[in-house]
Amino acid sequence: MNAQRVGMMALRRAAAKPTMALVSPSIARGLVVRSAFQAQAVVQARTQSRSITTEKLSNDEADKVLAAQRLNRPVSPHLTIYDPAQIWYGASIMQRYTGMAYAGALYAGSLAYLAAPLLGWHLESASLVAFAAGLPVAAKVTLKMLAAFPFLFHSFNGVRHLVWDAAVKGFAKADIAKATNAIWVASVIGSLGLALLW
């Protein structure tokens, strides 16, 4: 904004005010000029405070500047900042671990099934059933329980999170502790029950 535009704006404002008609022309002119100078001083102060200088940097120098800036950026906290004695800590981590375990098992099983014909593996249903039938009962129960526990825990804890999101209730420490204990107990009992089914 240059001074002429600032002066024109001040004149328009002064002309729009009905009280200016009651003031003598010399006083009005003085007010307009004074407001124009004030506006020009504000514009100059803003321009001076925003003066930016640039310089050409090589790629190595630019990388060093970026590396220095990254040191000043905030870092996302890691799980180690939390107190392990907190009641929600174990269930929160187990929710992530069980989800990763099932996602990893899905990908590994899918890739193994696709690669089986090329590698000479027998992963068809009849071979897997024959393998499972030949295992001792203790191994069958253990493997079934190892497969069922993460699924049940992830499901029960996921339902709790959905209830938290939908009902916005259960955030008191006592409620969280009760729900966490109930989820652990239900997961263990449920996985044992599923493992003992024939």
Protein backbone atom coordinates (compact mmCIF):
# COMPACT_ATOMS: atom_id res chain seq x y z
CA MET A 1 0.00 0.00 0.00
CA ASN A 2 1.50 3.29 -0.92
CA ALA A 3 0.89 6.64 0.75
CA GLN A 4 -1.47 7.91 -1.96
CA ARG A 5 -3.83 4.94 -1.52
CA VAL A 6 -3.71 5.33 2.25
CA GLY A 7 -4.59 9.01 1.88
CA MET A 8 -7.48 8.20 -0.45
CA MET A 9 -8.82 5.63 1.99
CA ALA A 10 -8.64 8.19 4.79
CA LEU A 11 -10.49 10.75 2.65
CA ARG A 12 -13.21 8.24 1.84
CA ARG A 13 -13.62 7.36 5.50
CA ALA A 14 -13.80 11.03 6.43
CA ALA A 15 -16.35 11.73 3.71
CA ALA A 16 -18.50 8.83 4.86
CA LYS A 17 -18.76 10.17 8.41
CA PRO A 18 -21.62 12.69 8.82
CA THR A 19 -19.90 14.44 11.73
CA MET A 20 -17.11 15.64 9.44
CA ALA A 21 -19.52 18.06 7.73
CA LEU A 22 -19.78 19.99 11.00
CA VAL A 23 -15.99 20.42 11.24
CA SER A 24 -14.27 23.21 9.35
CA PRO A 25 -12.44 22.17 6.15
CA SER A 26 -9.01 23.00 7.53
CA ILE A 27 -9.53 20.81 10.62
CA ALA A 28 -10.92 18.00 8.47
CA ARG A 29 -7.94 18.25 6.14
CA GLY A 30 -5.58 18.12 9.11
CA LEU A 31 -7.31 15.01 10.48
CA VAL A 32 -7.16 13.31 7.10
CA VAL A 33 -3.48 14.11 6.65
CA ARG A 34 -2.67 12.95 10.19
CA SER A 35 -4.51 9.64 9.71
CA ALA A 36 -2.77 9.17 6.36
CA PHE A 37 0.65 9.64 7.98
CA GLN A 38 -0.24 7.22 10.76
CA ALA A 39 -1.40 4.61 8.26
CA GLN A 40 1.75 5.12 6.20
CA ALA A 41 3.90 4.67 9.33
CA VAL A 42 2.09 1.39 10.11
CA VAL A 43 2.65 0.14 6.55
CA GLN A 44 6.35 1.03 6.70
CA ALA A 45 6.76 -0.67 10.08
CA ARG A 46 5.14 -3.85 8.75
CA THR A 47 7.29 -3.79 5.64
CA GLN A 48 10.48 -3.32 7.64
CA SER A 49 9.63 -6.09 10.11
CA ARG A 50 8.96 -8.52 7.25
CA SER A 51 12.15 -7.90 5.34
CA ILE A 52 13.53 -11.25 4.29
CA THR A 53 16.91 -11.89 2.81
CA THR A 54 17.65 -14.96 0.76
CA GLU A 55 20.87 -16.54 -0.28
CA LYS A 56 21.69 -19.33 -2.68
CA LEU A 57 22.77 -22.55 -0.98
CA SER A 58 24.35 -25.66 -2.36
CA ASN A 59 22.60 -28.98 -1.84
CA ASP A 60 24.96 -29.92 0.99
CA GLU A 61 24.42 -26.60 2.76
CA ALA A 62 20.64 -26.93 2.35
CA ASP A 63 20.78 -30.43 3.84
CA LYS A 64 22.72 -29.11 6.83
CA VAL A 65 20.13 -26.36 7.38
CA LEU A 66 17.32 -28.93 7.24
CA ALA A 67 19.15 -31.23 9.63
CA ALA A 68 19.58 -28.35 12.10
CA GLN A 69 15.86 -27.51 11.80
CA ARG A 70 14.89 -31.13 12.44
CA LEU A 71 16.74 -31.05 15.76
CA ASN A 72 14.38 -28.30 16.96
CA ARG A 73 11.18 -30.07 15.92
CA PRO A 74 9.07 -31.83 18.55
CA VAL A 75 9.37 -35.60 18.60
CA SER A 76 6.39 -37.88 19.00
CA PRO A 77 6.53 -39.58 22.41
CA HIS A 78 7.42 -43.25 22.64
CA LEU A 79 5.61 -45.78 24.79
CA THR A 80 8.46 -45.65 27.30
CA ILE A 81 7.28 -42.24 28.54
CA TYR A 82 4.18 -43.83 30.05
CA ASP A 83 4.07 -45.28 33.52
CA PRO A 84 3.70 -49.08 33.31
CA ALA A 85 1.72 -49.02 36.55
CA GLN A 86 -1.16 -47.27 34.78
CA ILE A 87 -4.17 -49.53 34.51
CA TRP A 88 -4.82 -49.04 30.81
CA TYR A 89 -1.21 -49.51 29.72
CA GLY A 90 -1.16 -53.29 29.30
CA ALA A 91 -4.49 -53.50 27.50
CA SER A 92 -3.54 -50.69 25.14
CA ILE A 93 -0.28 -52.33 24.14
CA MET A 94 -1.89 -55.77 23.85
CA GLN A 95 -4.52 -54.29 21.53
CA ARG A 96 -1.74 -53.22 19.19
CA TYR A 97 0.24 -56.46 19.52
CA THR A 98 -2.77 -58.69 18.87
CA GLY A 99 -3.74 -56.63 15.83
CA MET A 100 -0.19 -56.82 14.47
CA ALA A 101 -0.02 -60.55 15.20
CA TYR A 102 -3.18 -61.33 13.27
CA ALA A 103 -2.26 -59.01 10.39
CA GLY A 104 1.20 -60.60 10.21
CA ALA A 105 -0.30 -64.11 10.33
CA LEU A 106 -2.72 -63.21 7.53
CA TYR A 107 0.05 -61.89 5.29
CA ALA A 108 2.43 -64.75 6.08
CA GLY A 109 -0.27 -67.38 5.52
CA SER A 110 -1.40 -65.77 2.27
CA LEU A 111 2.13 -65.53 0.89
CA ALA A 112 2.93 -69.09 1.98
CA TYR A 113 -0.23 -70.38 0.30
CA LEU A 114 0.65 -68.55 -2.92
CA ALA A 115 4.28 -69.73 -2.87
CA ALA A 116 3.46 -73.34 -1.86
CA PRO A 117 3.07 -74.75 -5.41
CA LEU A 118 6.35 -73.17 -6.49
CA LEU A 119 8.28 -74.43 -3.47
CA GLY A 120 6.70 -77.90 -3.31
CA TRP A 121 4.95 -77.30 0.02
CA HIS A 122 1.67 -79.03 0.72
CA LEU A 123 -0.62 -76.40 2.29
CA GLU A 124 -3.90 -77.67 0.86
CA SER A 125 -6.73 -78.41 3.30
CA ALA A 126 -6.29 -82.20 3.33
CA SER A 127 -2.60 -81.89 4.26
CA LEU A 128 -3.29 -79.39 7.04
CA VAL A 129 -6.09 -81.54 8.49
CA ALA A 130 -3.85 -84.61 8.44
CA PHE A 131 -1.07 -82.66 10.16
CA ALA A 132 -3.41 -81.37 12.88
CA ALA A 133 -4.90 -84.83 13.44
CA GLY A 134 -1.46 -86.27 14.10
CA LEU A 135 -0.65 -83.82 16.90
CA PRO A 136 -1.00 -84.79 20.56
CA VAL A 137 -4.04 -83.41 22.43
CA ALA A 138 -1.92 -81.04 24.55
CA ALA A 139 -0.33 -79.53 21.43
CA LYS A 140 -3.75 -79.11 19.79
CA VAL A 141 -5.17 -77.33 22.85
CA THR A 142 -2.09 -75.11 23.14
CA LEU A 143 -2.11 -74.13 19.46
CA LYS A 144 -5.85 -73.45 19.50
CA MET A 145 -5.51 -71.36 22.63
CA LEU A 146 -2.60 -69.41 21.11
CA ALA A 147 -4.77 -68.67 18.08
CA ALA A 148 -7.96 -67.88 20.02
CA PHE A 149 -6.56 -65.63 22.77
CA PRO A 150 -5.33 -62.76 20.56
CA PHE A 151 -8.54 -62.86 18.54
CA LEU A 152 -10.80 -62.70 21.60
CA PHE A 153 -8.68 -60.09 23.39
CA HIS A 154 -8.58 -57.85 20.32
CA SER A 155 -12.33 -58.27 19.81
CA PHE A 156 -13.32 -57.57 23.43
CA ASN A 157 -10.96 -54.62 23.76
CA GLY A 158 -12.16 -53.28 20.41
CA VAL A 159 -15.75 -53.40 21.64
CA ARG A 160 -14.68 -51.44 24.72
CA HIS A 161 -13.12 -48.77 22.52
CA LEU A 162 -16.29 -48.59 20.44
CA VAL A 163 -18.32 -48.12 23.63
CA TRP A 164 -15.92 -45.38 24.73
CA ASP A 165 -16.33 -43.63 21.37
CA ALA A 166 -20.11 -44.02 21.15
CA ALA A 167 -21.23 -43.58 24.75
CA VAL A 168 -18.33 -41.45 26.06
CA LYS A 169 -18.55 -43.32 29.35
CA GLY A 170 -16.25 -45.51 31.39
CA PHE A 171 -13.25 -43.20 31.66
CA ALA A 172 -13.05 -43.19 35.46
CA LYS A 173 -10.05 -45.12 36.79
CA ALA A 174 -12.24 -47.61 38.62
CA ASP A 175 -14.31 -48.27 35.48
CA ILE A 176 -11.19 -48.70 33.36
CA ALA A 177 -9.69 -51.13 35.89
CA LYS A 178 -12.87 -53.22 36.05
CA ALA A 179 -13.25 -53.34 32.27
CA THR A 180 -9.57 -54.21 31.76
CA ASN A 181 -9.73 -57.07 34.25
CA ALA A 182 -12.97 -58.32 32.71
CA ILE A 183 -11.41 -58.29 29.24
CA TRP A 184 -8.36 -60.29 30.41
CA VAL A 185 -10.50 -62.85 32.26
CA ALA A 186 -13.02 -63.19 29.40
CA SER A 187 -10.20 -63.59 26.88
CA VAL A 188 -8.43 -66.32 28.86
CA ILE A 189 -11.65 -68.22 29.69
CA GLY A 190 -12.99 -67.82 26.16
CA SER A 191 -9.77 -68.95 24.51
CA LEU A 192 -9.57 -71.97 26.84
CA GLY A 193 -13.19 -72.81 26.03
CA LEU A 194 -12.58 -72.51 22.27
CA ALA A 195 -9.40 -74.58 22.56
CA LEU A 196 -11.24 -77.41 24.33
CA LEU A 197 -13.94 -77.62 21.64
CA TRP A 198 -13.32 -80.54 19.32
